[in-house]
Protein backbone atom coordinates (compact mmCIF):
# COMPACT_ATOMS: atom_id res chain seq x y z
CA MET A 1 -132.50 106.91 11.95
CA THR A 2 -130.85 103.81 10.64
CA ALA A 3 -130.46 100.19 11.67
CA ALA A 4 -127.55 99.20 13.94
CA PRO A 5 -126.42 95.71 12.89
CA ILE A 6 -123.83 93.41 14.41
CA PRO A 7 -123.42 90.78 11.69
CA ASP A 8 -125.08 87.46 12.35
CA LEU A 9 -126.11 88.35 15.91
CA VAL A 10 -128.59 91.20 16.12
CA SER A 11 -130.21 93.88 14.04
CA ILE A 12 -132.08 96.86 15.39
CA ASP A 13 -134.39 98.64 12.99
CA VAL A 14 -135.29 102.18 14.14
CA THR A 15 -138.47 103.78 12.72
CA GLY A 16 -140.41 106.85 13.79
CA SER A 17 -139.58 110.34 14.96
CA THR A 18 -139.06 112.19 18.25
CA THR A 19 -142.79 111.77 18.90
CA GLY A 20 -142.63 108.00 18.81
CA VAL A 21 -139.83 105.56 18.05
CA LEU A 22 -140.18 101.84 17.34
CA LEU A 23 -137.12 99.64 17.80
CA THR A 24 -137.58 96.30 16.15
CA VAL A 25 -134.90 93.94 17.48
CA THR A 26 -134.06 90.70 15.71
CA GLY A 27 -131.52 88.06 16.78
CA GLU A 28 -129.64 87.55 20.02
CA VAL A 29 -129.38 90.15 22.76
CA ASP A 30 -126.50 89.14 24.99
CA SER A 31 -123.32 90.66 26.45
CA SER A 32 -121.84 91.20 23.00
CA THR A 33 -124.92 92.85 21.44
CA ALA A 34 -126.60 94.60 24.40
CA PRO A 35 -124.25 97.61 24.11
CA SER A 36 -125.56 98.21 20.60
CA LEU A 37 -129.16 98.11 21.90
CA ARG A 38 -128.23 100.45 24.75
CA ALA A 39 -126.65 102.91 22.29
CA VAL A 40 -129.80 103.00 20.15
CA VAL A 41 -132.02 103.48 23.23
CA ASP A 42 -129.71 106.20 24.54
CA THR A 43 -129.86 107.99 21.20
CA ALA A 44 -133.68 107.89 21.23
CA PHE A 45 -133.75 109.43 24.70
CA ALA A 46 -131.15 112.06 23.68
CA ASP A 47 -133.29 112.96 20.66
CA GLY A 48 -136.20 113.75 23.07
CA VAL A 49 -138.45 110.82 22.15
CA ARG A 50 -141.87 110.91 23.86
CA THR A 51 -142.85 107.27 23.27
CA LEU A 52 -140.32 104.42 22.88
CA THR A 53 -141.46 100.99 21.88
CA VAL A 54 -139.05 98.01 21.86
CA ASP A 55 -140.39 95.08 19.79
CA LEU A 56 -138.56 91.89 20.83
CA GLU A 57 -140.70 89.54 18.76
CA GLY A 58 -137.69 88.62 16.56
CA VAL A 59 -135.31 88.03 19.46
CA THR A 60 -134.16 84.41 19.76
CA PHE A 61 -132.04 84.80 22.90
CA LEU A 62 -132.15 87.36 25.77
CA ASP A 63 -129.69 87.25 28.67
CA SER A 64 -128.94 89.41 31.73
CA ALA A 65 -127.15 92.06 29.63
CA GLY A 66 -130.28 92.58 27.53
CA LEU A 67 -132.46 92.57 30.65
CA CYS A 68 -130.25 95.25 32.12
CA VAL A 69 -130.69 97.46 29.04
CA LEU A 70 -134.50 97.09 29.31
CA ALA A 71 -134.51 97.86 33.05
CA GLY A 72 -132.31 100.91 32.53
CA ALA A 73 -134.52 102.14 29.71
CA HIS A 74 -137.61 101.75 31.90
CA ARG A 75 -135.93 103.71 34.67
CA ARG A 76 -134.83 106.50 32.38
CA ALA A 77 -138.25 106.67 30.73
CA ALA A 78 -139.90 107.05 34.16
CA GLU A 79 -137.47 109.83 35.06
CA ASP A 80 -137.95 111.63 31.72
CA GLY A 81 -141.72 111.22 31.43
CA VAL A 82 -141.38 108.98 28.36
CA VAL A 83 -143.91 106.25 27.57
CA PHE A 84 -141.88 103.03 27.39
CA ARG A 85 -143.34 99.84 25.94
CA VAL A 86 -141.87 96.40 25.43
CA LEU A 87 -143.56 93.93 23.09
CA ALA A 88 -142.75 90.25 23.30
CA SER A 89 -144.50 86.89 22.99
CA THR A 90 -141.75 84.30 22.37
CA ARG A 91 -140.62 81.99 25.19
CA ALA A 92 -136.97 83.00 24.62
CA VAL A 93 -137.86 86.53 25.73
CA VAL A 94 -140.89 86.09 27.95
CA ARG A 95 -139.29 83.55 30.30
CA PRO A 96 -136.25 85.63 31.33
CA LEU A 97 -138.57 88.68 31.77
CA GLN A 98 -140.89 86.64 33.97
CA ILE A 99 -138.15 85.02 36.04
CA THR A 100 -136.63 88.42 36.83
CA GLY A 101 -139.94 90.17 37.53
CA LEU A 102 -139.38 92.53 34.59
CA TYR A 103 -142.36 91.13 32.70
CA ASP A 104 -144.79 92.78 35.16
CA LEU A 105 -142.64 95.88 35.86
CA LEU A 106 -142.37 96.65 32.15
CA ALA A 107 -146.01 95.69 31.52
CA VAL A 108 -144.95 93.68 28.50
CA GLY A 109 -147.43 93.73 25.66
CA GLN A 110 -148.18 91.34 22.86
CA PRO A 111 -147.02 92.44 19.38
CA ARG A 112 -149.92 92.92 16.94
CA SER A 113 -149.94 93.15 13.23
CA GLY A 114 -149.26 96.72 12.19
CA ALA A 115 -147.96 97.77 15.59
CA GLY A 116 -146.21 101.10 15.26
CA ALA A 117 -144.32 103.77 17.10
CA ALA A 118 -147.25 106.14 17.53
């Protein structure tokens, strides 16, 4: 898998295999970039991923469009029996997740050094 960049706004680095995929998102996730994130997530599900981790540590802005992608991914993971994890610790990401109740629903974890897709 390869990265899906939108110049100057967001980059999504995809690592792993169908067993476990790690999406490392950097930049802004808003109405102009959320479709790219959704496409990468959809591809992971279509490929039969068993564990999907979305690392938002490098995200500097997250709006309702990005929250919608995460909620949709959570719903699809539950339906497909996929383990879905979201990693975040920055205020720009944690606050919108907390305000909407997604922080608890998604059981957001803290990124750790060497976190991987397995």
